[in-house]
């Protein structure tokens, strides 16, 4: 659906985006990750055509970026919200839908359907300035998806939402992806991405640090640690115990085969195992490890021939 090839963007002497390449598969939920200031927003501004890359190329479904053709494909919800505070929310949603090329009739029909789904109909005549941050966030989401974009870009979409409304929006994102919409989810909250996204790219200081599926990346950085949930003692593996918790033991083992062998020994020794899992690192831990490794490599001295 989307492919970025060697994108670069400079602001004065600062490299905001430094030779970034990655691709987003159609119909999936893709995570664009990185800390604040990593270059995520600069990348999204180029994808949406707000700014142009200094070099590199963007492709939509194999076609080189053409703002006149591809702008209607995109729904973009930026981190900094852009609602008109004095307008009533029903009028505002209608106005923004028509800017996306919808007829007044179709826009009104779609807005009412979304407002009913998200329990917003009673807000129709409220002004934006009278809404809470969470309510404004729901309105912003509706105005972003109202024209049924092929590519939906969400920059920190859960900011300001309480847990209940976060779950509501999350379910709508899943449903849109299931219906064929390609979703780019941009955030610095790594734990949210582990739950929502299948594939990610991790940006640090304008460069790609990691790129691939969440599962592949977590497996790549795994440390062969396994959790055995039991209230019994496991003295026969005392030298392999990393940590004992109230619920069991974390063991450092060679591989899954060794873990399975230990499970069999537990069975033979009448040790009750109530749960077992391989512990994979979270994206936050992986990011820190990857960035530390990158920093270490940058300080390595070249070997003289």
C-alpha atoms as a PDB file:
ATOM      1  CA  UNK A   1       0.000   0.000   0.000  1.00  0.00           C
ATOM      2  CA  UNK A   2       2.768   2.419   0.957  1.00  0.00           C
ATOM      3  CA  UNK A   3       6.499   2.332   0.328  1.00  0.00           C
ATOM      4  CA  UNK A   4       9.087   4.876   1.409  1.00  0.00           C
ATOM      5  CA  UNK A   5      12.417   4.773  -0.402  1.00  0.00           C
ATOM      6  CA  UNK A   6      15.461   6.596   1.020  1.00  0.00           C
ATOM      7  CA  UNK A   7      13.547   9.583   2.382  1.00  0.00           C
ATOM      8  CA  UNK A   8      15.552  12.514   3.704  1.00  0.00           C
ATOM      9  CA  UNK A   9      14.315  15.735   5.283  1.00  0.00           C
ATOM     10  CA  UNK A  10      16.416  18.573   6.682  1.00  0.00           C
ATOM     11  CA  UNK A  11      15.430  21.591   8.745  1.00  0.00           C
ATOM     12  CA  UNK A  12      18.332  24.043   8.619  1.00  0.00           C
ATOM     13  CA  UNK A  13      21.282  21.852   9.680  1.00  0.00           C
ATOM     14  CA  UNK A  14      19.162  19.233  11.482  1.00  0.00           C
ATOM     15  CA  UNK A  15      18.543  15.834   9.863  1.00  0.00           C
ATOM     16  CA  UNK A  16      14.921  15.174  10.819  1.00  0.00           C
ATOM     17  CA  UNK A  17      14.644  12.142   8.527  1.00  0.00           C
ATOM     18  CA  UNK A  18      17.865  10.443   7.490  1.00  0.00           C
ATOM     19  CA  UNK A  19      17.618   7.907   4.635  1.00  0.00           C
ATOM     20  CA  UNK A  20      14.444   6.161   5.834  1.00  0.00           C
ATOM     21  CA  UNK A  21      13.013   3.230   3.883  1.00  0.00           C
ATOM     22  CA  UNK A  22      10.164   0.870   4.824  1.00  0.00           C
ATOM     23  CA  UNK A  23       6.896  -0.446   3.446  1.00  0.00           C
ATOM     24  CA  UNK A  24       3.378  -0.878   4.796  1.00  0.00           C
ATOM     25  CA  UNK A  25       1.257  -3.826   3.701  1.00  0.00           C
ATOM     26  CA  UNK A  26      -2.312  -3.200   2.575  1.00  0.00           C
ATOM     27  CA  UNK A  27      -5.068  -3.907   5.091  1.00  0.00           C
ATOM     28  CA  UNK A  28      -2.813  -4.184   8.126  1.00  0.00           C
ATOM     29  CA  UNK A  29      -2.160  -2.135  11.248  1.00  0.00           C
ATOM     30  CA  UNK A  30       1.369  -0.793  11.099  1.00  0.00           C
ATOM     31  CA  UNK A  31       3.234   0.836  13.988  1.00  0.00           C
ATOM     32  CA  UNK A  32       5.493   3.859  13.440  1.00  0.00           C
ATOM     33  CA  UNK A  33       7.411   4.018  16.710  1.00  0.00           C
ATOM     34  CA  UNK A  34       9.971   6.214  18.347  1.00  0.00           C
ATOM     35  CA  UNK A  35      10.460   8.730  21.148  1.00  0.00           C
ATOM     36  CA  UNK A  36       9.362  12.332  20.820  1.00  0.00           C
ATOM     37  CA  UNK A  37      11.603  14.107  18.311  1.00  0.00           C
ATOM     38  CA  UNK A  38      12.586  10.881  16.519  1.00  0.00           C
ATOM     39  CA  UNK A  39      11.245  12.070  13.150  1.00  0.00           C
ATOM     40  CA  UNK A  40       7.848  10.332  13.095  1.00  0.00           C
ATOM     41  CA  UNK A  41       5.790  13.471  12.459  1.00  0.00           C
ATOM     42  CA  UNK A  42       8.206  14.621   9.743  1.00  0.00           C
ATOM     43  CA  UNK A  43       7.709  11.286   7.962  1.00  0.00           C
ATOM     44  CA  UNK A  44       3.915  11.552   8.211  1.00  0.00           C
ATOM     45  CA  UNK A  45       3.919  15.125   6.882  1.00  0.00           C
ATOM     46  CA  UNK A  46       5.761  13.917   3.797  1.00  0.00           C
ATOM     47  CA  UNK A  47       3.410  10.949   3.318  1.00  0.00           C
ATOM     48  CA  UNK A  48       0.387  13.248   3.502  1.00  0.00           C
ATOM     49  CA  UNK A  49       1.975  15.803   1.168  1.00  0.00           C
ATOM     50  CA  UNK A  50       2.081  18.601   3.748  1.00  0.00           C
ATOM     51  CA  UNK A  51       5.829  18.860   3.135  1.00  0.00           C
ATOM     52  CA  UNK A  52       8.063  17.445   0.420  1.00  0.00           C
ATOM     53  CA  UNK A  53      11.112  15.240   0.982  1.00  0.00           C
ATOM     54  CA  UNK A  54      14.506  16.743   0.197  1.00  0.00           C
ATOM     55  CA  UNK A  55      15.306  13.436  -1.472  1.00  0.00           C
ATOM     56  CA  UNK A  56      13.788   9.999  -1.805  1.00  0.00           C
ATOM     57  CA  UNK A  57      10.460   8.746  -3.153  1.00  0.00           C
ATOM     58  CA  UNK A  58       7.054   7.775  -1.736  1.00  0.00           C
ATOM     59  CA  UNK A  59       4.869   5.207  -3.511  1.00  0.00           C
ATOM     60  CA  UNK A  60       1.154   4.523  -3.055  1.00  0.00           C
ATOM     61  CA  UNK A  61       0.095   1.076  -4.298  1.00  0.00           C
ATOM     62  CA  UNK A  62       3.129   1.082  -6.596  1.00  0.00           C
ATOM     63  CA  UNK A  63       2.458   4.596  -7.955  1.00  0.00           C
ATOM     64  CA  UNK A  64       4.840   7.462  -7.269  1.00  0.00           C
ATOM     65  CA  UNK A  65       3.268  10.022  -4.930  1.00  0.00           C
ATOM     66  CA  UNK A  66       0.882  12.444  -6.633  1.00  0.00           C
ATOM     67  CA  UNK A  67      -0.851  14.719  -4.140  1.00  0.00           C
ATOM     68  CA  UNK A  68      -3.798  15.514  -6.415  1.00  0.00           C
ATOM     69  CA  UNK A  69      -4.526  11.821  -6.913  1.00  0.00           C
ATOM     70  CA  UNK A  70      -3.576  10.350  -3.540  1.00  0.00           C
ATOM     71  CA  UNK A  71      -4.750  13.017  -1.083  1.00  0.00           C
ATOM     72  CA  UNK A  72      -8.284  11.609  -1.139  1.00  0.00           C
ATOM     73  CA  UNK A  73      -6.916   8.180  -0.187  1.00  0.00           C
ATOM     74  CA  UNK A  74      -5.680   9.455   3.167  1.00  0.00           C
ATOM     75  CA  UNK A  75      -7.314  10.126   6.509  1.00  0.00           C
ATOM     76  CA  UNK A  76      -4.859  11.853   8.838  1.00  0.00           C
ATOM     77  CA  UNK A  77      -5.384  12.566  12.527  1.00  0.00           C
ATOM     78  CA  UNK A  78      -2.374  14.580  13.711  1.00  0.00           C
ATOM     79  CA  UNK A  79      -1.180  14.687  17.291  1.00  0.00           C
ATOM     80  CA  UNK A  80      -1.895  18.436  17.387  1.00  0.00           C
ATOM     81  CA  UNK A  81      -5.643  18.691  16.896  1.00  0.00           C
ATOM     82  CA  UNK A  82      -7.160  21.027  14.308  1.00  0.00           C
ATOM     83  CA  UNK A  83     -10.808  21.642  15.246  1.00  0.00           C
ATOM     84  CA  UNK A  84     -12.631  24.969  15.041  1.00  0.00           C
ATOM     85  CA  UNK A  85     -13.538  25.781  18.638  1.00  0.00           C
ATOM     86  CA  UNK A  86     -16.542  28.011  17.937  1.00  0.00           C
ATOM     87  CA  UNK A  87     -18.293  25.611  15.537  1.00  0.00           C
ATOM     88  CA  UNK A  88     -20.934  23.109  16.598  1.00  0.00           C
ATOM     89  CA  UNK A  89     -19.587  19.619  16.243  1.00  0.00           C
ATOM     90  CA  UNK A  90     -22.270  18.415  13.831  1.00  0.00           C
ATOM     91  CA  UNK A  91     -21.617  21.368  11.515  1.00  0.00           C
ATOM     92  CA  UNK A  92     -17.868  20.870  11.814  1.00  0.00           C
ATOM     93  CA  UNK A  93     -18.000  17.181  10.918  1.00  0.00           C
ATOM     94  CA  UNK A  94     -20.209  18.018   7.928  1.00  0.00           C
ATOM     95  CA  UNK A  95     -17.859  20.774   6.767  1.00  0.00           C
ATOM     96  CA  UNK A  96     -14.737  18.606   6.982  1.00  0.00           C
ATOM     97  CA  UNK A  97     -16.453  15.696   5.205  1.00  0.00           C
ATOM     98  CA  UNK A  98     -17.396  17.964   2.311  1.00  0.00           C
ATOM     99  CA  UNK A  99     -13.799  19.192   2.099  1.00  0.00           C
ATOM    100  CA  UNK A 100     -12.905  15.551   1.442  1.00  0.00           C
ATOM    101  CA  UNK A 101     -15.272  15.538  -1.550  1.00  0.00           C
ATOM    102  CA  UNK A 102     -18.377  13.985   0.008  1.00  0.00           C
ATOM    103  CA  UNK A 103     -21.823  15.260  -0.931  1.00  0.00           C
ATOM    104  CA  UNK A 104     -23.812  16.905   1.845  1.00  0.00           C
ATOM    105  CA  UNK A 105     -26.339  14.055   1.779  1.00  0.00           C
ATOM    106  CA  UNK A 106     -23.702  11.267   2.025  1.00  0.00           C
ATOM    107  CA  UNK A 107     -21.714  13.189   4.632  1.00  0.00           C
ATOM    108  CA  UNK A 108     -24.763  13.741   6.818  1.00  0.00           C
ATOM    109  CA  UNK A 109     -25.696  10.064   6.587  1.00  0.00           C
ATOM    110  CA  UNK A 110     -22.200   8.857   7.507  1.00  0.00           C
ATOM    111  CA  UNK A 111     -21.798  11.357  10.350  1.00  0.00           C
ATOM    112  CA  UNK A 112     -25.065  10.310  11.956  1.00  0.00           C
ATOM    113  CA  UNK A 113     -24.059   6.646  11.685  1.00  0.00           C
ATOM    114  CA  UNK A 114     -20.710   7.307  13.376  1.00  0.00           C
ATOM    115  CA  UNK A 115     -22.222   9.615  16.017  1.00  0.00           C
ATOM    116  CA  UNK A 116     -24.775   6.935  16.925  1.00  0.00           C
ATOM    117  CA  UNK A 117     -22.107   4.232  17.045  1.00  0.00           C
ATOM    118  CA  UNK A 118     -19.867   6.291  19.353  1.00  0.00           C
ATOM    119  CA  UNK A 119     -22.794   7.685  21.397  1.00  0.00           C
ATOM    120  CA  UNK A 120     -22.203  11.277  20.248  1.00  0.00           C
ATOM    121  CA  UNK A 121     -25.644  12.277  18.904  1.00  0.00           C
ATOM    122  CA  UNK A 122     -26.441  14.330  22.019  1.00  0.00           C
ATOM    123  CA  UNK A 123     -23.358  16.455  21.300  1.00  0.00           C
ATOM    124  CA  UNK A 124     -24.528  17.550  17.829  1.00  0.00           C
ATOM    125  CA  UNK A 125     -25.194  21.172  18.771  1.00  0.00           C
ATOM    126  CA  UNK A 126     -22.370  21.535  21.288  1.00  0.00           C
ATOM    127  CA  UNK A 127     -19.416  23.733  20.418  1.00  0.00           C
ATOM    128  CA  UNK A 128     -15.964  22.200  20.305  1.00  0.00           C
ATOM    129  CA  UNK A 129     -14.730  24.561  23.016  1.00  0.00           C
ATOM    130  CA  UNK A 130     -17.283  23.007  25.399  1.00  0.00           C
ATOM    131  CA  UNK A 131     -15.969  19.467  24.896  1.00  0.00           C
ATOM    132  CA  UNK A 132     -13.508  17.629  27.103  1.00  0.00           C
ATOM    133  CA  UNK A 133     -10.214  16.505  25.573  1.00  0.00           C
ATOM    134  CA  UNK A 134     -11.544  12.959  25.281  1.00  0.00           C
ATOM    135  CA  UNK A 135     -14.738  14.087  23.541  1.00  0.00           C
ATOM    136  CA  UNK A 136     -12.701  16.227  21.137  1.00  0.00           C
ATOM    137  CA  UNK A 137     -10.555  13.187  20.411  1.00  0.00           C
ATOM    138  CA  UNK A 138     -13.598  11.117  19.440  1.00  0.00           C
ATOM    139  CA  UNK A 139     -14.815  13.910  17.156  1.00  0.00           C
ATOM    140  CA  UNK A 140     -11.382  14.151  15.556  1.00  0.00           C
ATOM    141  CA  UNK A 141     -11.420  10.404  14.921  1.00  0.00           C
ATOM    142  CA  UNK A 142     -14.836  10.588  13.228  1.00  0.00           C
ATOM    143  CA  UNK A 143     -13.790  13.474  10.966  1.00  0.00           C
ATOM    144  CA  UNK A 144     -10.667  11.480  10.002  1.00  0.00           C
ATOM    145  CA  UNK A 145     -12.490   8.293   8.939  1.00  0.00           C
ATOM    146  CA  UNK A 146     -15.745   9.783   7.620  1.00  0.00           C
ATOM    147  CA  UNK A 147     -14.714   9.637   3.930  1.00  0.00           C
ATOM    148  CA  UNK A 148     -13.631   5.974   4.231  1.00  0.00           C
ATOM    149  CA  UNK A 149      -9.911   6.473   3.480  1.00  0.00           C
ATOM    150  CA  UNK A 150      -7.764   3.702   2.045  1.00  0.00           C
ATOM    151  CA  UNK A 151      -4.872   4.811   4.256  1.00  0.00           C
ATOM    152  CA  UNK A 152      -5.660   5.899   7.818  1.00  0.00           C
ATOM    153  CA  UNK A 153      -2.866   7.658   9.728  1.00  0.00           C
ATOM    154  CA  UNK A 154      -3.366   8.059  13.474  1.00  0.00           C
ATOM    155  CA  UNK A 155      -0.809  10.074  15.440  1.00  0.00           C
ATOM    156  CA  UNK A 156      -1.203   9.334  19.194  1.00  0.00           C
ATOM    157  CA  UNK A 157      -4.924   8.495  18.779  1.00  0.00           C
ATOM    158  CA  UNK A 158      -5.543   7.560  22.428  1.00  0.00           C
ATOM    159  CA  UNK A 159      -4.207  10.771  23.918  1.00  0.00           C
ATOM    160  CA  UNK A 160      -6.810  12.196  26.312  1.00  0.00           C
ATOM    161  CA  UNK A 161      -9.127   9.185  26.158  1.00  0.00           C
ATOM    162  CA  UNK A 162     -10.209   7.304  29.270  1.00  0.00           C
ATOM    163  CA  UNK A 163      -9.774   3.480  29.262  1.00  0.00           C
ATOM    164  CA  UNK A 164     -13.380   2.833  28.167  1.00  0.00           C
ATOM    165  CA  UNK A 165     -13.267   5.176  25.165  1.00  0.00           C
ATOM    166  CA  UNK A 166      -9.749   4.001  24.299  1.00  0.00           C
ATOM    167  CA  UNK A 167     -11.160   0.494  23.990  1.00  0.00           C
ATOM    168  CA  UNK A 168     -14.054   1.758  21.831  1.00  0.00           C
ATOM    169  CA  UNK A 169     -11.684   3.502  19.392  1.00  0.00           C
ATOM    170  CA  UNK A 170      -9.357   0.511  19.405  1.00  0.00           C
ATOM    171  CA  UNK A 171     -12.195  -1.797  18.348  1.00  0.00           C
ATOM    172  CA  UNK A 172     -13.131   0.593  15.540  1.00  0.00           C
ATOM    173  CA  UNK A 173      -9.505   0.566  14.319  1.00  0.00           C
ATOM    174  CA  UNK A 174      -9.558  -3.255  14.264  1.00  0.00           C
ATOM    175  CA  UNK A 175     -12.835  -3.215  12.330  1.00  0.00           C
ATOM    176  CA  UNK A 176     -11.579  -0.703   9.752  1.00  0.00           C
ATOM    177  CA  UNK A 177      -8.455  -2.809   9.149  1.00  0.00           C
ATOM    178  CA  UNK A 178     -10.593  -5.933   8.799  1.00  0.00           C
ATOM    179  CA  UNK A 179     -12.638  -4.102   6.152  1.00  0.00           C
ATOM    180  CA  UNK A 180      -9.469  -3.352   4.159  1.00  0.00           C
ATOM    181  CA  UNK A 181      -8.288   0.013   5.450  1.00  0.00           C
ATOM    182  CA  UNK A 182      -4.519   0.274   5.880  1.00  0.00           C
ATOM    183  CA  UNK A 183      -3.722   1.826   9.272  1.00  0.00           C
ATOM    184  CA  UNK A 184      -0.524   3.549  10.375  1.00  0.00           C
ATOM    185  CA  UNK A 185      -0.452   3.987  14.116  1.00  0.00           C
ATOM    186  CA  UNK A 186       2.203   6.475  15.264  1.00  0.00           C
ATOM    187  CA  UNK A 187       3.121   6.640  18.939  1.00  0.00           C
ATOM    188  CA  UNK A 188       5.900   6.650  21.523  1.00  0.00           C
ATOM    189  CA  UNK A 189       3.861   4.263  23.717  1.00  0.00           C
ATOM    190  CA  UNK A 190       5.498   0.926  22.949  1.00  0.00           C
ATOM    191  CA  UNK A 191       3.082  -1.155  25.043  1.00  0.00           C
ATOM    192  CA  UNK A 192       0.095  -0.041  22.942  1.00  0.00           C
ATOM    193  CA  UNK A 193       1.784  -1.175  19.744  1.00  0.00           C
ATOM    194  CA  UNK A 194       2.485  -4.675  21.041  1.00  0.00           C
ATOM    195  CA  UNK A 195      -1.261  -5.158  21.416  1.00  0.00           C
ATOM    196  CA  UNK A 196      -2.463  -3.443  18.239  1.00  0.00           C
ATOM    197  CA  UNK A 197       0.145  -3.762  15.482  1.00  0.00           C
ATOM    198  CA  UNK A 198       1.424  -6.712  13.500  1.00  0.00           C
ATOM    199  CA  UNK A 199       4.347  -4.913  11.837  1.00  0.00           C
ATOM    200  CA  UNK A 200       6.424  -1.950  12.996  1.00  0.00           C
ATOM    201  CA  UNK A 201       9.280   0.339  12.124  1.00  0.00           C
ATOM    202  CA  UNK A 202      11.206   1.904  14.993  1.00  0.00           C
ATOM    203  CA  UNK A 203      12.761   5.339  14.367  1.00  0.00           C
ATOM    204  CA  UNK A 204      15.503   6.968  16.429  1.00  0.00           C
ATOM    205  CA  UNK A 205      17.146  10.298  15.543  1.00  0.00           C
ATOM    206  CA  UNK A 206      15.687  10.153  12.052  1.00  0.00           C
ATOM    207  CA  UNK A 207      16.984   6.663  11.257  1.00  0.00           C
ATOM    208  CA  UNK A 208      15.380   3.224  11.093  1.00  0.00           C
ATOM    209  CA  UNK A 209      16.558   1.151  14.062  1.00  0.00           C
ATOM    210  CA  UNK A 210      14.245  -1.867  13.659  1.00  0.00           C
ATOM    211  CA  UNK A 211      11.814  -2.972  10.955  1.00  0.00           C
ATOM    212  CA  UNK A 212       9.653  -6.106  10.804  1.00  0.00           C
ATOM    213  CA  UNK A 213       6.831  -7.963  12.508  1.00  0.00           C
ATOM    214  CA  UNK A 214       6.395  -7.499  16.255  1.00  0.00           C
ATOM    215  CA  UNK A 215       6.669 -11.249  16.818  1.00  0.00           C
ATOM    216  CA  UNK A 216       9.849 -11.602  14.739  1.00  0.00           C
ATOM    217  CA  UNK A 217      11.515  -8.677  16.516  1.00  0.00           C
ATOM    218  CA  UNK A 218      10.601  -9.954  19.987  1.00  0.00           C
ATOM    219  CA  UNK A 219      11.923 -13.409  19.069  1.00  0.00           C
ATOM    220  CA  UNK A 220      15.136 -11.894  17.724  1.00  0.00           C
ATOM    221  CA  UNK A 221      15.845 -10.209  21.062  1.00  0.00           C
ATOM    222  CA  UNK A 222      14.691 -13.025  23.339  1.00  0.00           C
ATOM    223  CA  UNK A 223      17.018 -14.161  26.129  1.00  0.00           C
ATOM    224  CA  UNK A 224      15.839 -17.775  26.502  1.00  0.00           C
ATOM    225  CA  UNK A 225      14.047 -17.096  29.765  1.00  0.00           C
ATOM    226  CA  UNK A 226      11.141 -19.336  30.762  1.00  0.00           C
ATOM    227  CA  UNK A 227       8.547 -18.991  33.500  1.00  0.00           C
ATOM    228  CA  UNK A 228       7.327 -22.052  35.419  1.00  0.00           C
ATOM    229  CA  UNK A 229       4.235 -21.351  37.511  1.00  0.00           C
ATOM    230  CA  UNK A 230       4.298 -23.562  40.587  1.00  0.00           C
ATOM    231  CA  UNK A 231       4.095 -23.439  44.380  1.00  0.00           C
ATOM    232  CA  UNK A 232       6.406 -26.458  44.669  1.00  0.00           C
ATOM    233  CA  UNK A 233      10.197 -26.250  44.920  1.00  0.00           C
ATOM    234  CA  UNK A 234      12.420 -26.934  41.885  1.00  0.00           C
ATOM    235  CA  UNK A 235      15.745 -27.630  43.590  1.00  0.00           C
ATOM    236  CA  UNK A 236      17.015 -29.804  40.741  1.00  0.00           C
ATOM    237  CA  UNK A 237      17.422 -26.654  38.550  1.00  0.00           C
ATOM    238  CA  UNK A 238      18.789 -24.362  41.286  1.00  0.00           C
ATOM    239  CA  UNK A 239      21.772 -23.224  39.167  1.00  0.00           C
ATOM    240  CA  UNK A 240      19.455 -22.111  36.335  1.00  0.00           C
ATOM    241  CA  UNK A 241      17.022 -20.064  38.429  1.00  0.00           C
ATOM    242  CA  UNK A 242      17.223 -16.356  37.591  1.00  0.00           C
ATOM    243  CA  UNK A 243      14.430 -15.306  39.898  1.00  0.00           C
ATOM    244  CA  UNK A 244      11.891 -16.806  42.239  1.00  0.00           C
ATOM    245  CA  UNK A 245       8.514 -15.065  42.541  1.00  0.00           C
ATOM    246  CA  UNK A 246       5.399 -15.732  44.588  1.00  0.00           C
ATOM    247  CA  UNK A 247       3.963 -17.587  41.595  1.00  0.00           C
ATOM    248  CA  UNK A 248       6.962 -19.631  40.498  1.00  0.00           C
ATOM    249  CA  UNK A 249      10.414 -19.539  38.896  1.00  0.00           C
ATOM    250  CA  UNK A 250      12.103 -17.768  35.986  1.00  0.00           C
ATOM    251  CA  UNK A 251      14.809 -19.996  34.503  1.00  0.00           C
ATOM    252  CA  UNK A 252      17.618 -19.185  32.082  1.00  0.00           C
ATOM    253  CA  UNK A 253      17.816 -22.122  29.658  1.00  0.00           C
ATOM    254  CA  UNK A 254      19.521 -22.982  26.388  1.00  0.00           C
ATOM    255  CA  UNK A 255      16.358 -23.365  24.307  1.00  0.00           C
ATOM    256  CA  UNK A 256      12.757 -24.534  24.262  1.00  0.00           C
ATOM    257  CA  UNK A 257      13.831 -28.180  24.080  1.00  0.00           C
ATOM    258  CA  UNK A 258      15.594 -27.860  27.449  1.00  0.00           C
ATOM    259  CA  UNK A 259      12.499 -26.212  28.917  1.00  0.00           C
ATOM    260  CA  UNK A 260      10.358 -29.116  27.702  1.00  0.00           C
ATOM    261  CA  UNK A 261      12.819 -31.570  29.243  1.00  0.00           C
ATOM    262  CA  UNK A 262      12.501 -29.799  32.595  1.00  0.00           C
ATOM    263  CA  UNK A 263       8.715 -29.981  32.330  1.00  0.00           C
ATOM    264  CA  UNK A 264       8.979 -33.756  31.939  1.00  0.00           C
ATOM    265  CA  UNK A 265      11.257 -33.985  34.986  1.00  0.00           C
ATOM    266  CA  UNK A 266       8.726 -31.962  36.986  1.00  0.00           C
ATOM    267  CA  UNK A 267       6.042 -34.450  35.993  1.00  0.00           C
ATOM    268  CA  UNK A 268       8.227 -37.397  37.027  1.00  0.00           C
ATOM    269  CA  UNK A 269       8.952 -35.763  40.412  1.00  0.00           C
ATOM    270  CA  UNK A 270       5.273 -34.911  41.038  1.00  0.00           C
ATOM    271  CA  UNK A 271       5.972 -31.164  40.859  1.00  0.00           C
ATOM    272  CA  UNK A 272       2.728 -29.438  39.933  1.00  0.00           C
ATOM    273  CA  UNK A 273       3.208 -26.942  37.073  1.00  0.00           C
ATOM    274  CA  UNK A 274       0.135 -24.721  36.725  1.00  0.00           C
ATOM    275  CA  UNK A 275       1.516 -22.589  33.917  1.00  0.00           C
ATOM    276  CA  UNK A 276       4.474 -22.296  31.554  1.00  0.00           C
ATOM    277  CA  UNK A 277       5.618 -19.667  29.029  1.00  0.00           C
ATOM    278  CA  UNK A 278       8.669 -18.348  27.259  1.00  0.00           C
ATOM    279  CA  UNK A 279       9.303 -14.751  28.323  1.00  0.00           C
ATOM    280  CA  UNK A 280       9.800 -12.409  25.368  1.00  0.00           C
ATOM    281  CA  UNK A 281      11.084  -8.851  25.875  1.00  0.00           C
ATOM    282  CA  UNK A 282       8.721  -5.916  25.377  1.00  0.00           C
ATOM    283  CA  UNK A 283       9.286  -3.339  22.653  1.00  0.00           C
ATOM    284  CA  UNK A 284      10.376  -0.722  25.156  1.00  0.00           C
ATOM    285  CA  UNK A 285      13.181  -2.986  26.413  1.00  0.00           C
ATOM    286  CA  UNK A 286      14.097  -3.915  22.826  1.00  0.00           C
ATOM    287  CA  UNK A 287      14.236  -0.267  21.758  1.00  0.00           C
ATOM    288  CA  UNK A 288      16.601   0.634  24.599  1.00  0.00           C
ATOM    289  CA  UNK A 289      18.814  -2.343  23.750  1.00  0.00           C
ATOM    290  CA  UNK A 290      18.829  -1.534  20.019  1.00  0.00           C
ATOM    291  CA  UNK A 291      19.589   2.151  20.580  1.00  0.00           C
ATOM    292  CA  UNK A 292      22.371   1.334  23.049  1.00  0.00           C
ATOM    293  CA  UNK A 293      23.851  -1.039  20.497  1.00  0.00           C
ATOM    294  CA  UNK A 294      23.640   1.582  17.778  1.00  0.00           C
ATOM    295  CA  UNK A 295      25.349   4.139  20.030  1.00  0.00           C
ATOM    296  CA  UNK A 296      28.070   1.654  20.889  1.00  0.00           C
ATOM    297  CA  UNK A 297      28.732   0.940  17.201  1.00  0.00           C
ATOM    298  CA  UNK A 298      29.023   4.649  16.454  1.00  0.00           C
ATOM    299  CA  UNK A 299      31.910   4.857  18.942  1.00  0.00           C
ATOM    300  CA  UNK A 300      33.767   1.852  17.558  1.00  0.00           C
ATOM    301  CA  UNK A 301      37.117   2.754  16.027  1.00  0.00           C
ATOM    302  CA  UNK A 302      37.751   1.481  12.506  1.00  0.00           C
ATOM    303  CA  UNK A 303      40.335  -1.264  12.268  1.00  0.00           C
ATOM    304  CA  UNK A 304      43.385  -0.162  10.298  1.00  0.00           C
ATOM    305  CA  UNK A 305      44.171  -2.405   7.404  1.00  0.00           C
END
